[in-house]
Amino acid sequence: MKIYTKTGDKGETGLRGGSRLPKSDPRVQAYGDVDELNAALGLVPVSVPRRRAFSKLRLDLERVQGQLFELGAALSSPAGTAEAAAFRAGSELWLEAEIDRMTADLPPLSHFILPGGSQAGAALHLARTVCRRAERAAVALGKDAPPQSVVYLNRLSDFLFVCARWANNRLRSPEARWRTP
């Protein structure tokens, strides 16, 4: 099977179910941003040391990547179809529980921090910013966005922020405090 189909050579792409849209369509932008987020998350495991302390983080990020595939599939389905509504509610509850678990191991945050720290922390912060863009794209879809997609992406960006802080803490890599010039 060839990887190229040539069906997008005129600036259109296919949705699940066969309908076609311009590649500039907000729906295509939204699932493209989710795909980019998934790729950004793929950088994290190669940035995290191969230590047992990070095995749960690796598994959690793999779970998130699977959820992002599901969200991308829902976003690439025409609005109002069963496929578009297939992204299930409840994934944000797991994220909230993980945020609470990791936050309990961190010093309280009393100031703004700059993205960075360790290589793993920087990769997670980058993924967080891509997640925020994907969230904005889902918001732009309005009622055409799959139910729960905006809630999930909002919570996921919080999760990635806490993951970055947690990784930096475990690696003893200080967070840079933001200071006004």
N, C-alpha and C. Protein backbone atom coordinates (compact mmCIF):
# COMPACT_ATOMS: atom_id res chain seq x y z
N MET A 1 0.85 -1.18 0.00
CA MET A 1 0.00 0.00 0.00
C MET A 1 0.90 1.25 0.00
N LYS A 2 0.60 2.17 -0.85
CA LYS A 2 1.35 3.42 -0.91
C LYS A 2 0.83 4.38 0.14
N ILE A 3 1.76 5.17 0.68
CA ILE A 3 1.38 6.13 1.71
C ILE A 3 0.73 7.37 1.10
N TYR A 4 1.08 7.67 -0.12
CA TYR A 4 0.49 8.86 -0.75
C TYR A 4 -0.71 8.44 -1.60
N THR A 5 -1.75 9.27 -1.51
CA THR A 5 -2.99 8.98 -2.25
C THR A 5 -3.25 9.99 -3.34
N LYS A 6 -2.64 11.15 -3.23
CA LYS A 6 -2.82 12.26 -4.16
C LYS A 6 -4.21 12.89 -4.09
N THR A 7 -5.04 12.42 -3.15
CA THR A 7 -6.40 12.96 -3.05
C THR A 7 -6.42 14.34 -2.41
N GLY A 8 -5.33 14.73 -1.76
CA GLY A 8 -5.28 16.04 -1.13
C GLY A 8 -4.51 17.07 -1.92
N ASP A 9 -4.15 16.73 -3.13
CA ASP A 9 -3.31 17.63 -3.94
C ASP A 9 -3.98 18.93 -4.33
N LYS A 10 -5.29 18.99 -4.20
CA LYS A 10 -6.00 20.22 -4.57
C LYS A 10 -6.49 20.97 -3.34
N GLY A 11 -5.88 20.67 -2.17
CA GLY A 11 -6.20 21.43 -0.97
C GLY A 11 -7.41 20.95 -0.21
N GLU A 12 -7.85 19.73 -0.48
CA GLU A 12 -8.97 19.16 0.26
C GLU A 12 -8.50 17.90 0.97
N THR A 13 -9.26 17.52 1.99
CA THR A 13 -8.98 16.28 2.71
C THR A 13 -10.30 15.59 3.00
N GLY A 14 -10.23 14.31 3.24
CA GLY A 14 -11.43 13.53 3.50
C GLY A 14 -11.70 13.37 4.98
N LEU A 15 -12.96 13.46 5.34
CA LEU A 15 -13.39 13.15 6.69
C LEU A 15 -13.76 11.67 6.75
N ARG A 16 -13.89 11.18 7.97
CA ARG A 16 -14.42 9.81 8.11
C ARG A 16 -15.80 9.81 7.50
N GLY A 17 -16.12 8.80 6.78
CA GLY A 17 -17.42 8.71 6.13
C GLY A 17 -17.37 9.17 4.68
N GLY A 18 -16.25 9.78 4.25
CA GLY A 18 -16.08 10.09 2.85
C GLY A 18 -16.29 11.52 2.41
N SER A 19 -16.93 12.37 3.22
CA SER A 19 -17.10 13.75 2.79
C SER A 19 -15.75 14.45 2.76
N ARG A 20 -15.66 15.54 1.99
CA ARG A 20 -14.40 16.25 1.81
C ARG A 20 -14.54 17.69 2.26
N LEU A 21 -13.46 18.23 2.79
CA LEU A 21 -13.41 19.61 3.25
C LEU A 21 -12.11 20.26 2.79
N PRO A 22 -12.11 21.58 2.66
CA PRO A 22 -10.83 22.26 2.41
C PRO A 22 -9.90 22.03 3.61
N LYS A 23 -8.62 21.93 3.35
CA LYS A 23 -7.65 21.72 4.43
C LYS A 23 -7.59 22.92 5.38
N SER A 24 -8.16 24.03 4.97
CA SER A 24 -8.20 25.22 5.82
C SER A 24 -9.43 25.26 6.73
N ASP A 25 -10.30 24.27 6.62
CA ASP A 25 -11.52 24.22 7.42
C ASP A 25 -11.18 24.14 8.92
N PRO A 26 -11.95 24.83 9.76
CA PRO A 26 -11.69 24.78 11.21
C PRO A 26 -11.68 23.36 11.79
N ARG A 27 -12.49 22.47 11.24
CA ARG A 27 -12.49 21.08 11.73
C ARG A 27 -11.15 20.42 11.45
N VAL A 28 -10.61 20.64 10.27
CA VAL A 28 -9.32 20.07 9.90
C VAL A 28 -8.22 20.68 10.78
N GLN A 29 -8.33 21.98 11.04
CA GLN A 29 -7.38 22.64 11.93
C GLN A 29 -7.42 21.99 13.31
N ALA A 30 -8.61 21.72 13.82
CA ALA A 30 -8.75 21.15 15.16
C ALA A 30 -8.13 19.76 15.24
N TYR A 31 -8.44 18.88 14.29
CA TYR A 31 -7.86 17.55 14.42
C TYR A 31 -6.38 17.54 14.04
N GLY A 32 -5.95 18.51 13.24
CA GLY A 32 -4.53 18.67 12.97
C GLY A 32 -3.77 19.11 14.22
N ASP A 33 -4.36 20.00 15.00
CA ASP A 33 -3.74 20.44 16.25
C ASP A 33 -3.67 19.30 17.26
N VAL A 34 -4.70 18.46 17.30
CA VAL A 34 -4.68 17.30 18.19
C VAL A 34 -3.59 16.32 17.74
N ASP A 35 -3.43 16.14 16.43
CA ASP A 35 -2.38 15.28 15.90
C ASP A 35 -1.00 15.84 16.27
N GLU A 36 -0.84 17.16 16.14
CA GLU A 36 0.44 17.78 16.52
C GLU A 36 0.71 17.61 18.01
N LEU A 37 -0.31 17.72 18.82
CA LEU A 37 -0.16 17.50 20.26
C LEU A 37 0.32 16.07 20.52
N ASN A 38 -0.28 15.11 19.83
CA ASN A 38 0.12 13.72 20.00
C ASN A 38 1.59 13.54 19.62
N ALA A 39 2.02 14.18 18.55
CA ALA A 39 3.42 14.09 18.14
C ALA A 39 4.33 14.76 19.17
N ALA A 40 3.91 15.89 19.72
CA ALA A 40 4.70 16.56 20.75
C ALA A 40 4.84 15.67 21.98
N LEU A 41 3.78 14.97 22.32
CA LEU A 41 3.85 14.04 23.46
C LEU A 41 4.80 12.88 23.18
N GLY A 42 4.95 12.54 21.90
CA GLY A 42 5.89 11.49 21.53
C GLY A 42 7.34 11.85 21.84
N LEU A 43 7.63 13.14 21.98
CA LEU A 43 8.97 13.58 22.35
C LEU A 43 9.28 13.36 23.82
N VAL A 44 8.26 13.31 24.64
CA VAL A 44 8.47 13.28 26.08
C VAL A 44 9.19 12.00 26.54
N PRO A 45 8.75 10.81 26.14
CA PRO A 45 9.43 9.61 26.65
C PRO A 45 10.93 9.56 26.33
N VAL A 46 11.35 10.13 25.21
CA VAL A 46 12.78 10.13 24.90
C VAL A 46 13.51 11.19 25.71
N SER A 47 12.77 12.09 26.36
CA SER A 47 13.36 13.13 27.20
C SER A 47 13.39 12.74 28.67
N VAL A 48 12.66 11.71 29.01
CA VAL A 48 12.55 11.27 30.40
C VAL A 48 13.56 10.15 30.64
N PRO A 49 14.32 10.24 31.74
CA PRO A 49 15.27 9.16 32.04
C PRO A 49 14.57 7.82 32.18
N ARG A 50 15.26 6.78 31.82
CA ARG A 50 14.73 5.43 31.93
C ARG A 50 14.90 4.94 33.36
N ARG A 51 14.12 5.54 34.25
CA ARG A 51 14.14 5.15 35.67
C ARG A 51 12.75 4.69 36.06
N ARG A 52 12.72 3.82 37.04
CA ARG A 52 11.44 3.30 37.49
C ARG A 52 10.53 4.41 37.99
N ALA A 53 11.10 5.47 38.55
CA ALA A 53 10.30 6.59 39.07
C ALA A 53 9.45 7.24 37.97
N PHE A 54 9.84 7.05 36.72
CA PHE A 54 9.12 7.67 35.60
C PHE A 54 8.24 6.69 34.83
N SER A 55 8.17 5.44 35.28
CA SER A 55 7.40 4.45 34.53
C SER A 55 5.91 4.78 34.50
N LYS A 56 5.35 5.27 35.61
CA LYS A 56 3.93 5.64 35.61
C LYS A 56 3.69 6.82 34.68
N LEU A 57 4.58 7.79 34.69
CA LEU A 57 4.43 8.93 33.78
C LEU A 57 4.41 8.45 32.34
N ARG A 58 5.31 7.55 32.00
CA ARG A 58 5.35 7.01 30.63
C ARG A 58 4.02 6.33 30.27
N LEU A 59 3.51 5.52 31.19
CA LEU A 59 2.23 4.83 30.94
C LEU A 59 1.09 5.82 30.83
N ASP A 60 1.08 6.84 31.68
CA ASP A 60 0.03 7.85 31.64
C ASP A 60 0.06 8.60 30.31
N LEU A 61 1.24 8.95 29.85
CA LEU A 61 1.35 9.69 28.58
C LEU A 61 0.94 8.81 27.40
N GLU A 62 1.23 7.53 27.48
CA GLU A 62 0.78 6.60 26.43
C GLU A 62 -0.75 6.51 26.42
N ARG A 63 -1.33 6.50 27.60
CA ARG A 63 -2.81 6.49 27.71
C ARG A 63 -3.38 7.77 27.09
N VAL A 64 -2.77 8.92 27.39
CA VAL A 64 -3.21 10.18 26.81
C VAL A 64 -3.10 10.14 25.30
N GLN A 65 -2.01 9.59 24.78
CA GLN A 65 -1.87 9.52 23.32
C GLN A 65 -2.99 8.69 22.70
N GLY A 66 -3.38 7.62 23.35
CA GLY A 66 -4.52 6.84 22.86
C GLY A 66 -5.80 7.64 22.88
N GLN A 67 -6.00 8.40 23.96
CA GLN A 67 -7.19 9.25 24.05
C GLN A 67 -7.17 10.32 22.97
N LEU A 68 -5.99 10.84 22.66
CA LEU A 68 -5.91 11.85 21.59
C LEU A 68 -6.22 11.26 20.23
N PHE A 69 -5.87 9.99 20.00
CA PHE A 69 -6.28 9.34 18.75
C PHE A 69 -7.80 9.26 18.68
N GLU A 70 -8.43 8.92 19.80
CA GLU A 70 -9.89 8.86 19.84
C GLU A 70 -10.50 10.24 19.58
N LEU A 71 -9.92 11.26 20.19
CA LEU A 71 -10.43 12.62 19.99
C LEU A 71 -10.23 13.05 18.54
N GLY A 72 -9.07 12.76 17.97
CA GLY A 72 -8.82 13.09 16.57
C GLY A 72 -9.81 12.41 15.65
N ALA A 73 -10.14 11.15 15.94
CA ALA A 73 -11.13 10.44 15.13
C ALA A 73 -12.50 11.10 15.24
N ALA A 74 -12.86 11.52 16.45
CA ALA A 74 -14.15 12.20 16.63
C ALA A 74 -14.17 13.54 15.89
N LEU A 75 -13.05 14.27 15.97
CA LEU A 75 -12.98 15.56 15.27
C LEU A 75 -12.96 15.41 13.75
N SER A 76 -12.46 14.29 13.27
CA SER A 76 -12.40 14.09 11.82
C SER A 76 -13.68 13.46 11.26
N SER A 77 -14.69 13.37 12.09
CA SER A 77 -15.99 12.86 11.67
C SER A 77 -16.95 14.03 11.51
N PRO A 78 -17.85 13.95 10.53
CA PRO A 78 -18.80 15.05 10.34
C PRO A 78 -19.62 15.31 11.61
N ALA A 79 -19.85 16.58 11.89
CA ALA A 79 -20.64 16.96 13.07
C ALA A 79 -21.99 16.28 13.04
N GLY A 80 -22.44 15.87 14.20
CA GLY A 80 -23.76 15.26 14.33
C GLY A 80 -23.78 13.76 14.10
N THR A 81 -22.65 13.16 13.70
CA THR A 81 -22.61 11.72 13.49
C THR A 81 -22.27 11.02 14.79
N ALA A 82 -22.57 9.73 14.83
CA ALA A 82 -22.24 8.94 16.02
C ALA A 82 -20.73 8.93 16.26
N GLU A 83 -19.96 8.92 15.18
CA GLU A 83 -18.50 8.91 15.31
C GLU A 83 -17.99 10.20 15.96
N ALA A 84 -18.61 11.33 15.61
CA ALA A 84 -18.20 12.61 16.19
C ALA A 84 -18.53 12.67 17.67
N ALA A 85 -19.59 12.01 18.06
CA ALA A 85 -20.01 12.02 19.47
C ALA A 85 -19.36 10.89 20.27
N ALA A 86 -18.52 10.08 19.61
CA ALA A 86 -17.97 8.89 20.27
C ALA A 86 -16.93 9.20 21.33
N PHE A 87 -16.36 10.39 21.31
CA PHE A 87 -15.37 10.71 22.34
C PHE A 87 -16.09 10.77 23.68
N ARG A 88 -15.72 9.89 24.55
CA ARG A 88 -16.49 9.69 25.77
C ARG A 88 -16.16 10.67 26.88
N ALA A 89 -17.17 11.00 27.60
CA ALA A 89 -17.00 11.83 28.80
C ALA A 89 -16.34 10.97 29.88
N GLY A 90 -15.67 11.61 30.77
CA GLY A 90 -15.07 10.91 31.89
C GLY A 90 -13.56 10.86 31.86
N SER A 91 -12.97 11.03 30.69
CA SER A 91 -11.50 11.01 30.61
C SER A 91 -10.90 12.13 31.44
N GLU A 92 -11.62 13.23 31.55
CA GLU A 92 -11.09 14.36 32.33
C GLU A 92 -11.05 14.03 33.82
N LEU A 93 -11.91 13.10 34.27
CA LEU A 93 -11.91 12.73 35.68
C LEU A 93 -10.62 12.00 36.05
N TRP A 94 -10.15 11.14 35.16
CA TRP A 94 -8.88 10.46 35.38
C TRP A 94 -7.74 11.49 35.42
N LEU A 95 -7.79 12.46 34.51
CA LEU A 95 -6.75 13.50 34.50
C LEU A 95 -6.76 14.27 35.81
N GLU A 96 -7.93 14.61 36.31
CA GLU A 96 -8.03 15.34 37.58
C GLU A 96 -7.43 14.54 38.73
N ALA A 97 -7.72 13.24 38.76
CA ALA A 97 -7.16 12.40 39.81
C ALA A 97 -5.63 12.35 39.73
N GLU A 98 -5.10 12.29 38.53
CA GLU A 98 -3.64 12.27 38.35
C GLU A 98 -3.03 13.62 38.71
N ILE A 99 -3.71 14.69 38.37
CA ILE A 99 -3.23 16.03 38.74
C ILE A 99 -3.14 16.13 40.27
N ASP A 100 -4.19 15.70 40.94
CA ASP A 100 -4.20 15.75 42.41
C ASP A 100 -3.10 14.88 43.01
N ARG A 101 -2.90 13.70 42.45
CA ARG A 101 -1.86 12.79 42.96
C ARG A 101 -0.48 13.41 42.83
N MET A 102 -0.16 13.95 41.66
CA MET A 102 1.16 14.53 41.44
C MET A 102 1.35 15.82 42.22
N THR A 103 0.31 16.63 42.30
CA THR A 103 0.40 17.91 43.02
C THR A 103 0.71 17.68 44.49
N ALA A 104 0.22 16.59 45.06
CA ALA A 104 0.48 16.29 46.46
C ALA A 104 1.98 16.09 46.72
N ASP A 105 2.74 15.74 45.69
CA ASP A 105 4.19 15.52 45.82
C ASP A 105 5.02 16.77 45.51
N LEU A 106 4.35 17.88 45.20
CA LEU A 106 5.07 19.08 44.76
C LEU A 106 4.99 20.19 45.79
N PRO A 107 6.02 21.05 45.79
CA PRO A 107 5.90 22.23 46.64
C PRO A 107 4.79 23.13 46.10
N PRO A 108 4.10 23.85 46.97
CA PRO A 108 3.01 24.72 46.49
C PRO A 108 3.56 25.75 45.51
N LEU A 109 2.74 26.09 44.56
CA LEU A 109 3.11 27.07 43.54
C LEU A 109 2.59 28.43 44.00
N SER A 110 3.50 29.38 44.20
CA SER A 110 3.09 30.69 44.69
C SER A 110 3.49 31.81 43.74
N HIS A 111 3.99 31.44 42.56
CA HIS A 111 4.44 32.43 41.58
C HIS A 111 4.37 31.80 40.19
N PHE A 112 4.45 32.62 39.17
CA PHE A 112 4.49 32.10 37.81
C PHE A 112 5.88 31.52 37.55
N ILE A 113 5.91 30.45 36.77
CA ILE A 113 7.19 29.85 36.40
C ILE A 113 7.35 29.90 34.88
N LEU A 114 8.60 29.93 34.46
CA LEU A 114 8.90 29.90 33.04
C LEU A 114 8.95 28.46 32.56
N PRO A 115 8.45 28.18 31.37
CA PRO A 115 8.55 26.82 30.85
C PRO A 115 10.01 26.41 30.74
N GLY A 116 10.29 25.18 31.07
CA GLY A 116 11.66 24.69 30.95
C GLY A 116 12.00 23.77 32.09
N GLY A 117 13.16 24.02 32.69
CA GLY A 117 13.67 23.13 33.73
C GLY A 117 14.53 22.08 33.08
N SER A 118 14.10 20.85 33.16
CA SER A 118 14.81 19.73 32.53
C SER A 118 14.35 19.58 31.08
N GLN A 119 15.02 18.71 30.35
CA GLN A 119 14.59 18.42 28.98
C GLN A 119 13.17 17.85 28.98
N ALA A 120 12.89 16.97 29.94
CA ALA A 120 11.54 16.40 30.05
C ALA A 120 10.52 17.48 30.38
N GLY A 121 10.86 18.36 31.33
CA GLY A 121 9.95 19.44 31.70
C GLY A 121 9.67 20.36 30.53
N ALA A 122 10.71 20.69 29.77
CA ALA A 122 10.54 21.56 28.61
C ALA A 122 9.66 20.91 27.56
N ALA A 123 9.85 19.61 27.33
CA ALA A 123 9.03 18.89 26.35
C ALA A 123 7.57 18.86 26.78
N LEU A 124 7.34 18.68 28.07
CA LEU A 124 5.97 18.68 28.59
C LEU A 124 5.33 20.06 28.50
N HIS A 125 6.10 21.10 28.77
CA HIS A 125 5.57 22.46 28.63
C HIS A 125 5.24 22.76 27.17
N LEU A 126 6.08 22.30 26.25
CA LEU A 126 5.79 22.50 24.83
C LEU A 126 4.48 21.79 24.45
N ALA A 127 4.33 20.56 24.90
CA ALA A 127 3.09 19.82 24.64
C ALA A 127 1.89 20.55 25.23
N ARG A 128 2.07 21.15 26.41
CA ARG A 128 0.98 21.90 27.05
C ARG A 128 0.54 23.07 26.17
N THR A 129 1.49 23.77 25.57
CA THR A 129 1.11 24.92 24.74
C THR A 129 0.42 24.46 23.45
N VAL A 130 0.85 23.34 22.90
CA VAL A 130 0.16 22.79 21.72
C VAL A 130 -1.24 22.36 22.12
N CYS A 131 -1.39 21.82 23.32
CA CYS A 131 -2.71 21.42 23.83
C CYS A 131 -3.63 22.63 23.92
N ARG A 132 -3.11 23.75 24.40
CA ARG A 132 -3.94 24.97 24.49
C ARG A 132 -4.40 25.41 23.10
N ARG A 133 -3.53 25.26 22.10
CA ARG A 133 -3.93 25.62 20.73
C ARG A 133 -5.03 24.68 20.24
N ALA A 134 -4.88 23.40 20.52
CA ALA A 134 -5.91 22.43 20.13
C ALA A 134 -7.24 22.75 20.83
N GLU A 135 -7.15 23.17 22.07
CA GLU A 135 -8.36 23.56 22.80
C GLU A 135 -9.03 24.76 22.14
N ARG A 136 -8.24 25.76 21.76
CA ARG A 136 -8.80 26.94 21.09
C ARG A 136 -9.46 26.54 19.77
N ALA A 137 -8.85 25.60 19.05
CA ALA A 137 -9.43 25.14 17.78
C ALA A 137 -10.75 24.42 18.02
N ALA A 138 -10.82 23.63 19.09
CA ALA A 138 -12.08 22.93 19.41
C ALA A 138 -13.15 23.94 19.83
N VAL A 139 -12.76 24.96 20.59
CA VAL A 139 -13.71 26.00 20.98
C VAL A 139 -14.25 26.70 19.74
N ALA A 140 -13.39 26.94 18.76
CA ALA A 140 -13.81 27.62 17.52
C ALA A 140 -14.86 26.82 16.76
N LEU A 141 -14.88 25.51 16.95
CA LEU A 141 -15.90 24.69 16.28
C LEU A 141 -17.28 24.87 16.90
N GLY A 142 -17.33 25.40 18.11
CA GLY A 142 -18.62 25.62 18.76
C GLY A 142 -19.37 24.32 18.94
N LYS A 143 -20.65 24.34 18.58
CA LYS A 143 -21.49 23.15 18.78
C LYS A 143 -21.09 21.99 17.88
N ASP A 144 -20.23 22.26 16.89
CA ASP A 144 -19.76 21.18 16.02
C ASP A 144 -18.61 20.39 16.63
N ALA A 145 -18.09 20.85 17.75
CA ALA A 145 -17.03 20.10 18.44
C ALA A 145 -17.65 18.90 19.15
N PRO A 146 -16.93 17.79 19.19
CA PRO A 146 -17.46 16.64 19.94
C PRO A 146 -17.71 17.02 21.39
N PRO A 147 -18.79 16.51 21.95
CA PRO A 147 -19.05 16.79 23.37
C PRO A 147 -17.84 16.38 24.20
N GLN A 148 -17.54 17.15 25.20
CA GLN A 148 -16.46 16.92 26.14
C GLN A 148 -15.06 17.21 25.59
N SER A 149 -14.93 17.51 24.31
CA SER A 149 -13.59 17.73 23.76
C SER A 149 -12.91 18.94 24.39
N VAL A 150 -13.64 20.02 24.56
CA VAL A 150 -13.05 21.23 25.14
C VAL A 150 -12.70 20.99 26.61
N VAL A 151 -13.58 20.33 27.34
CA VAL A 151 -13.32 20.01 28.75
C VAL A 151 -12.07 19.14 28.86
N TYR A 152 -11.99 18.11 28.02
CA TYR A 152 -10.84 17.20 28.06
C TYR A 152 -9.55 17.95 27.75
N LEU A 153 -9.53 18.74 26.70
CA LEU A 153 -8.31 19.46 26.34
C LEU A 153 -7.91 20.48 27.40
N ASN A 154 -8.90 21.12 28.00
CA ASN A 154 -8.61 22.06 29.08
C ASN A 154 -7.94 21.35 30.25
N ARG A 155 -8.49 20.22 30.64
CA ARG A 155 -7.93 19.47 31.75
C ARG A 155 -6.58 18.87 31.38
N LEU A 156 -6.43 18.46 30.12
CA LEU A 156 -5.17 17.88 29.69
C LEU A 156 -4.03 18.90 29.77
N SER A 157 -4.31 20.14 29.42
CA SER A 157 -3.25 21.15 29.53
C SER A 157 -2.83 21.34 30.99
N ASP A 158 -3.79 21.29 31.91
CA ASP A 158 -3.45 21.36 33.33
C ASP A 158 -2.60 20.16 33.74
N PHE A 159 -2.99 18.99 33.26
CA PHE A 159 -2.25 17.75 33.55
C PHE A 159 -0.81 17.86 33.05
N LEU A 160 -0.62 18.37 31.85
CA LEU A 160 0.73 18.48 31.29
C LEU A 160 1.57 19.50 32.06
N PHE A 161 0.93 20.56 32.53
CA PHE A 161 1.64 21.54 33.37
C PHE A 161 2.16 20.86 34.64
N VAL A 162 1.28 20.12 35.29
CA VAL A 162 1.68 19.44 36.53
C VAL A 162 2.71 18.36 36.23
N CYS A 163 2.58 17.66 35.12
CA CYS A 163 3.58 16.66 34.74
C CYS A 163 4.95 17.31 34.57
N ALA A 164 4.99 18.48 33.96
CA ALA A 164 6.26 19.20 33.77
C ALA A 164 6.86 19.54 35.13
N ARG A 165 6.05 20.07 36.03
CA ARG A 165 6.54 20.40 37.37
C ARG A 165 7.01 19.15 38.10
N TRP A 166 6.24 18.07 37.98
CA TRP A 166 6.58 16.82 38.66
C TRP A 166 7.90 16.27 38.12
N ALA A 167 8.06 16.26 36.80
CA ALA A 167 9.30 15.75 36.20
C ALA A 167 10.49 16.60 36.65
N ASN A 168 10.33 17.91 36.61
CA ASN A 168 11.42 18.78 37.05
C ASN A 168 11.77 18.54 38.51
N ASN A 169 10.75 18.34 39.33
CA ASN A 169 10.98 18.07 40.74
C ASN A 169 11.74 16.76 40.93
N ARG A 170 11.33 15.71 40.24
CA ARG A 170 11.99 14.41 40.36
C ARG A 170 13.42 14.45 39.85
N LEU A 171 13.66 15.29 38.86
CA LEU A 171 15.01 15.41 38.28
C LEU A 171 15.85 16.47 38.99
N ARG A 172 15.26 17.05 40.03
CA ARG A 172 15.94 18.11 40.80
C ARG A 172 16.42 19.24 39.89
N SER A 173 15.56 19.57 38.97
CA SER A 173 15.83 20.66 38.02
C SER A 173 14.96 21.84 38.42
N PRO A 174 15.55 22.90 38.95
CA PRO A 174 14.74 24.01 39.47
C PRO A 174 13.90 24.68 38.39
N GLU A 175 12.73 25.12 38.82
CA GLU A 175 11.85 25.89 37.94
C GLU A 175 12.29 27.34 38.00
N ALA A 176 12.38 27.98 36.84
CA ALA A 176 12.75 29.39 36.79
C ALA A 176 11.52 30.24 37.11
N ARG A 177 11.67 31.08 38.08
CA ARG A 177 10.57 31.97 38.48
C ARG A 177 10.49 33.13 37.50
N TRP A 178 9.28 33.45 37.07
CA TRP A 178 9.09 34.61 36.19
C TRP A 178 9.19 35.87 37.02
N ARG A 179 9.97 36.78 36.53
CA ARG A 179 10.15 38.07 37.21
C ARG A 179 9.89 39.16 36.19
N THR A 180 9.24 40.22 36.64
CA THR A 180 9.00 41.34 35.74
C THR A 180 10.33 42.02 35.44
N PRO A 181 10.49 42.52 34.22
CA PRO A 181 11.76 43.16 33.85
C PRO A 181 11.99 44.47 34.58
